[in-house]
Amino acid sequence: LSAATGIGTSAEDIDTTITTLIATNSTSGDIFVQETSGLVIGGTGVRTQGGSGNINIDVDAGNLTVSAVVTANGDGNVTLNADAGTLTQDATKTISSSSGDIVLTADVVAQNGDITTGTVTTEVGTITVTADNGAITMATGTTSSTSGGAGLIAYSATANVALSILTTAGNVTVTADSDASTAGAITDNLTGEAANILGATVTLSAATGIGTSAEDIDTTI
């Protein structure tokens, strides 16, 4: 899909039953796509290139696999949602905005690439990752970062949260066992002893452990 001034809207998204999505909006407007089943973002990815265009991809059933970049222009927000499946971000495939909010939600989240946003004047980007029926696993070396400002980073899962690197000048919250089922730990999934969390105030909540004697949670806060 290629357009200048929008691909769907928040009121009338583009409804699809497809395998792979490639979408570019060049000048103004947003990208709103609702998929009935599993979806792969491929090719040149999903991109808004002007006008602080938002990106919203919602998969009703099945998995959402990010196999290409997803990037929103300016203060454009990125929202990726797998209603009843796993959201997998492939290695080297960055999800980004210049200063918009990035929101990832799925049953399970496998983060194998970086997530980045920033701050431009008064626009402060934030990152929110939620697994509402399972775990969040960050592959070692992957980074979620908000640059140039105090954007909040929030990770929440009903099960475990395995951390690589979260970095911001603002606050960080990490919650395992968000459904109070008494199962869920926060663990260090980063090879070596570099900091897992860099930020201001950090709030960690879990049911069955925050770090271990062998792999503690390393911080610079």
Protein backbone atom coordinates (compact mmCIF):
# COMPACT_ATOMS: atom_id res chain seq x y z
CA LEU A 1 0.00 0.00 0.00
CA SER A 2 1.35 3.42 -1.02
CA ALA A 3 -0.31 6.80 -0.46
CA ALA A 4 0.42 10.49 0.08
CA THR A 5 -2.25 11.54 2.58
CA GLY A 6 -3.30 8.46 4.49
CA ILE A 7 -3.96 4.71 4.47
CA GLY A 8 -7.14 4.26 6.47
CA THR A 9 -8.15 6.38 9.43
CA SER A 10 -8.86 5.84 13.11
CA ALA A 11 -12.59 5.80 12.26
CA GLU A 12 -12.31 3.70 9.09
CA ASP A 13 -9.27 1.43 9.03
CA ILE A 14 -8.27 -0.73 6.07
CA ASP A 15 -9.55 -4.26 6.76
CA THR A 16 -7.40 -7.09 5.43
CA THR A 17 -7.07 -10.86 5.25
CA ILE A 18 -3.51 -11.15 3.93
CA THR A 19 -0.13 -12.67 4.70
CA THR A 20 2.35 -9.80 4.34
CA LEU A 21 1.92 -6.03 4.70
CA ILE A 22 4.12 -3.32 3.17
CA ALA A 23 2.81 0.22 3.61
CA THR A 24 4.24 3.70 3.01
CA ASN A 25 2.49 7.03 3.53
CA SER A 26 4.61 9.86 2.18
CA THR A 27 3.21 13.28 3.08
CA SER A 28 0.49 13.48 5.74
CA GLY A 29 -2.11 11.34 7.42
CA ASP A 30 -1.89 8.00 9.19
CA ILE A 31 -1.74 4.25 8.53
CA PHE A 32 -4.56 2.23 10.12
CA VAL A 33 -4.84 -1.46 9.19
CA GLN A 34 -6.91 -4.20 10.86
CA GLU A 35 -6.01 -7.78 9.93
CA THR A 36 -8.28 -10.77 10.53
CA SER A 37 -5.53 -13.36 11.01
CA GLY A 38 -1.73 -13.69 11.31
CA LEU A 39 0.34 -10.96 9.66
CA VAL A 40 3.96 -10.36 8.68
CA ILE A 41 5.30 -6.83 8.19
CA GLY A 42 7.81 -7.27 5.38
CA GLY A 43 9.56 -5.64 2.43
CA THR A 44 10.36 -1.98 3.11
CA GLY A 45 8.19 -2.12 6.22
CA VAL A 46 5.43 0.18 7.45
CA ARG A 47 6.39 3.85 7.35
CA THR A 48 4.93 7.33 7.65
CA GLN A 49 7.34 9.80 6.10
CA GLY A 50 5.71 13.15 6.83
CA GLY A 51 3.20 15.04 8.92
CA SER A 52 3.76 13.14 12.18
CA GLY A 53 1.63 10.31 10.82
CA ASN A 54 0.53 7.59 13.22
CA ILE A 55 0.83 3.85 12.58
CA ASN A 56 -1.76 1.43 13.97
CA ILE A 57 -1.66 -2.26 13.06
CA ASP A 58 -4.20 -4.52 14.79
CA VAL A 59 -4.30 -8.30 14.28
CA ASP A 60 -7.57 -9.83 15.46
CA ALA A 61 -6.33 -13.43 15.64
CA GLY A 62 -2.96 -15.06 15.13
CA ASN A 63 0.57 -13.74 15.37
CA LEU A 64 2.08 -10.44 14.30
CA THR A 65 5.67 -10.72 13.05
CA VAL A 66 7.74 -7.59 12.47
CA SER A 67 10.21 -8.67 9.78
CA ALA A 68 10.88 -5.14 8.49
CA VAL A 69 11.18 -1.67 9.99
CA VAL A 70 8.19 0.16 11.43
CA THR A 71 8.84 3.89 11.70
CA ALA A 72 6.60 6.90 12.29
CA ASN A 73 7.53 10.43 11.27
CA GLY A 74 7.87 13.21 13.81
CA ASP A 75 5.45 12.88 16.73
CA GLY A 76 3.63 10.01 15.09
CA ASN A 77 2.68 7.17 17.41
CA VAL A 78 3.27 3.48 16.67
CA THR A 79 0.69 0.99 17.95
CA LEU A 80 1.13 -2.72 17.19
CA ASN A 81 -1.38 -5.18 18.62
CA ALA A 82 -1.84 -8.94 18.35
CA ASP A 83 -5.17 -9.50 20.08
CA ALA A 84 -4.79 -13.26 20.46
CA GLY A 85 -1.26 -14.21 19.53
CA THR A 86 2.45 -13.53 19.79
CA LEU A 87 4.12 -10.33 18.66
CA THR A 88 7.63 -11.15 17.40
CA GLN A 89 10.08 -8.43 16.41
CA ASP A 90 12.87 -9.86 14.28
CA ALA A 91 16.52 -9.01 14.88
CA THR A 92 17.74 -5.69 13.36
CA LYS A 93 14.16 -4.63 12.50
CA THR A 94 13.76 -1.42 14.50
CA ILE A 95 10.43 -0.05 15.66
CA SER A 96 10.79 3.72 15.98
CA SER A 97 9.39 7.22 16.06
CA SER A 98 11.16 10.56 16.27
CA SER A 99 9.14 11.63 19.33
CA GLY A 100 5.91 9.65 19.33
CA ASP A 101 4.66 7.01 21.74
CA ILE A 102 5.34 3.36 20.93
CA VAL A 103 2.84 0.79 22.22
CA LEU A 104 3.21 -2.98 21.70
CA THR A 105 0.55 -5.36 23.01
CA ALA A 106 0.07 -9.11 22.56
CA ASP A 107 -0.47 -12.33 24.49
CA VAL A 108 3.31 -12.87 24.34
CA VAL A 109 6.04 -10.48 23.18
CA ALA A 110 9.39 -11.63 21.75
CA GLN A 111 11.60 -8.57 21.24
CA ASN A 112 14.62 -9.38 19.09
CA GLY A 113 15.22 -5.85 17.77
CA ASP A 114 15.50 -2.30 19.11
CA ILE A 115 12.65 0.05 19.98
CA THR A 116 13.50 3.76 19.89
CA THR A 117 11.79 7.11 20.34
CA GLY A 118 12.92 10.52 21.52
CA THR A 119 12.03 14.08 22.43
CA VAL A 120 11.55 17.01 20.05
CA THR A 121 10.84 20.33 21.83
CA THR A 122 7.80 19.55 24.06
CA GLU A 123 6.96 16.20 22.46
CA VAL A 124 8.26 13.39 24.71
CA GLY A 125 8.06 9.86 23.36
CA THR A 126 7.29 6.90 25.62
CA ILE A 127 7.55 3.11 25.22
CA THR A 128 4.93 0.68 26.54
CA VAL A 129 5.22 -3.09 26.02
CA THR A 130 2.51 -5.39 27.38
CA ALA A 131 2.10 -9.17 27.34
CA ASP A 132 -1.44 -9.74 28.60
CA ASN A 133 -1.39 -13.56 28.53
CA GLY A 134 2.24 -14.57 28.86
CA ALA A 135 5.83 -13.34 28.94
CA ILE A 136 8.00 -10.60 27.50
CA THR A 137 11.43 -11.77 26.36
CA MET A 138 14.09 -9.33 25.15
CA ALA A 139 16.94 -11.00 23.27
CA THR A 140 20.38 -10.22 24.65
CA GLY A 141 21.74 -6.94 23.28
CA THR A 142 18.39 -5.49 22.25
CA THR A 143 17.63 -1.99 23.52
CA SER A 144 14.50 0.03 24.21
CA SER A 145 15.45 3.69 24.47
CA THR A 146 13.95 7.16 24.73
CA SER A 147 16.60 9.70 23.78
CA GLY A 148 16.84 13.40 24.57
CA GLY A 149 14.18 13.49 27.27
CA ALA A 150 12.45 11.86 30.18
CA GLY A 151 10.12 9.50 28.36
CA LEU A 152 8.61 6.71 30.46
CA ILE A 153 9.45 3.08 29.63
CA ALA A 154 6.89 0.56 30.94
CA TYR A 155 7.05 -3.24 30.53
CA SER A 156 4.27 -5.41 31.93
CA ALA A 157 3.53 -9.13 31.60
CA THR A 158 1.21 -11.62 33.25
CA ALA A 159 4.20 -14.01 33.36
CA ASN A 160 7.97 -13.41 33.25
CA VAL A 161 9.85 -10.38 31.94
CA ALA A 162 13.35 -11.17 30.67
CA LEU A 163 15.31 -7.94 30.28
CA SER A 164 18.08 -6.85 27.97
CA ILE A 165 18.51 -3.04 28.08
CA LEU A 166 15.99 -0.29 28.93
CA THR A 167 17.42 3.24 28.82
CA THR A 168 15.85 6.66 29.39
CA ALA A 169 16.43 9.87 31.30
CA GLY A 170 12.98 9.33 32.76
CA ASN A 171 11.30 6.64 34.82
CA VAL A 172 11.10 2.90 34.21
CA THR A 173 8.47 0.44 35.44
CA VAL A 174 8.72 -3.32 34.99
CA THR A 175 5.94 -5.62 36.20
CA ALA A 176 5.89 -9.41 36.11
CA ASP A 177 2.68 -11.16 37.24
CA SER A 178 0.49 -8.21 36.28
CA ASP A 179 -2.59 -10.40 36.73
CA ALA A 180 -1.66 -11.30 40.33
CA SER A 181 -1.60 -15.02 39.53
CA THR A 182 1.48 -15.46 41.77
CA ALA A 183 3.64 -16.47 38.77
CA GLY A 184 6.11 -14.12 37.16
CA ALA A 185 9.73 -13.07 37.64
CA ILE A 186 11.96 -10.29 36.31
CA THR A 187 15.22 -11.76 35.02
CA ASP A 188 18.47 -10.63 33.39
CA ASN A 189 18.66 -11.90 29.80
CA LEU A 190 21.69 -9.76 28.88
CA THR A 191 25.06 -11.44 28.42
CA GLY A 192 27.65 -9.83 30.68
CA GLU A 193 27.29 -7.29 33.46
CA ALA A 194 26.23 -4.16 31.57
CA ALA A 195 23.23 -2.31 32.98
CA ASN A 196 19.82 -3.74 32.22
CA ILE A 197 18.08 -0.52 33.27
CA LEU A 198 19.30 3.07 32.96
CA GLY A 199 16.89 5.70 34.21
CA ALA A 200 15.69 7.98 37.00
CA THR A 201 13.16 6.28 39.28
CA VAL A 202 12.80 2.57 38.60
CA THR A 203 9.86 0.52 39.92
CA LEU A 204 10.14 -3.27 39.74
CA SER A 205 7.26 -5.58 40.74
CA ALA A 206 7.19 -9.38 40.50
CA ALA A 207 5.72 -12.48 42.15
CA THR A 208 8.60 -14.97 42.05
CA GLY A 209 11.83 -12.99 41.96
CA ILE A 210 13.69 -9.93 40.70
CA GLY A 211 17.07 -11.15 39.50
CA THR A 212 18.89 -14.14 40.96
CA SER A 213 22.16 -14.78 42.78
CA ALA A 214 23.69 -15.82 39.46
CA GLU A 215 22.09 -13.13 37.28
CA ASP A 216 21.18 -9.98 39.20
CA ILE A 217 19.42 -7.00 37.62
CA ASP A 218 22.11 -4.43 36.82
CA THR A 219 21.11 -0.76 37.03
CA THR A 220 22.39 2.75 36.47
CA ILE A 221 19.75 4.88 38.17
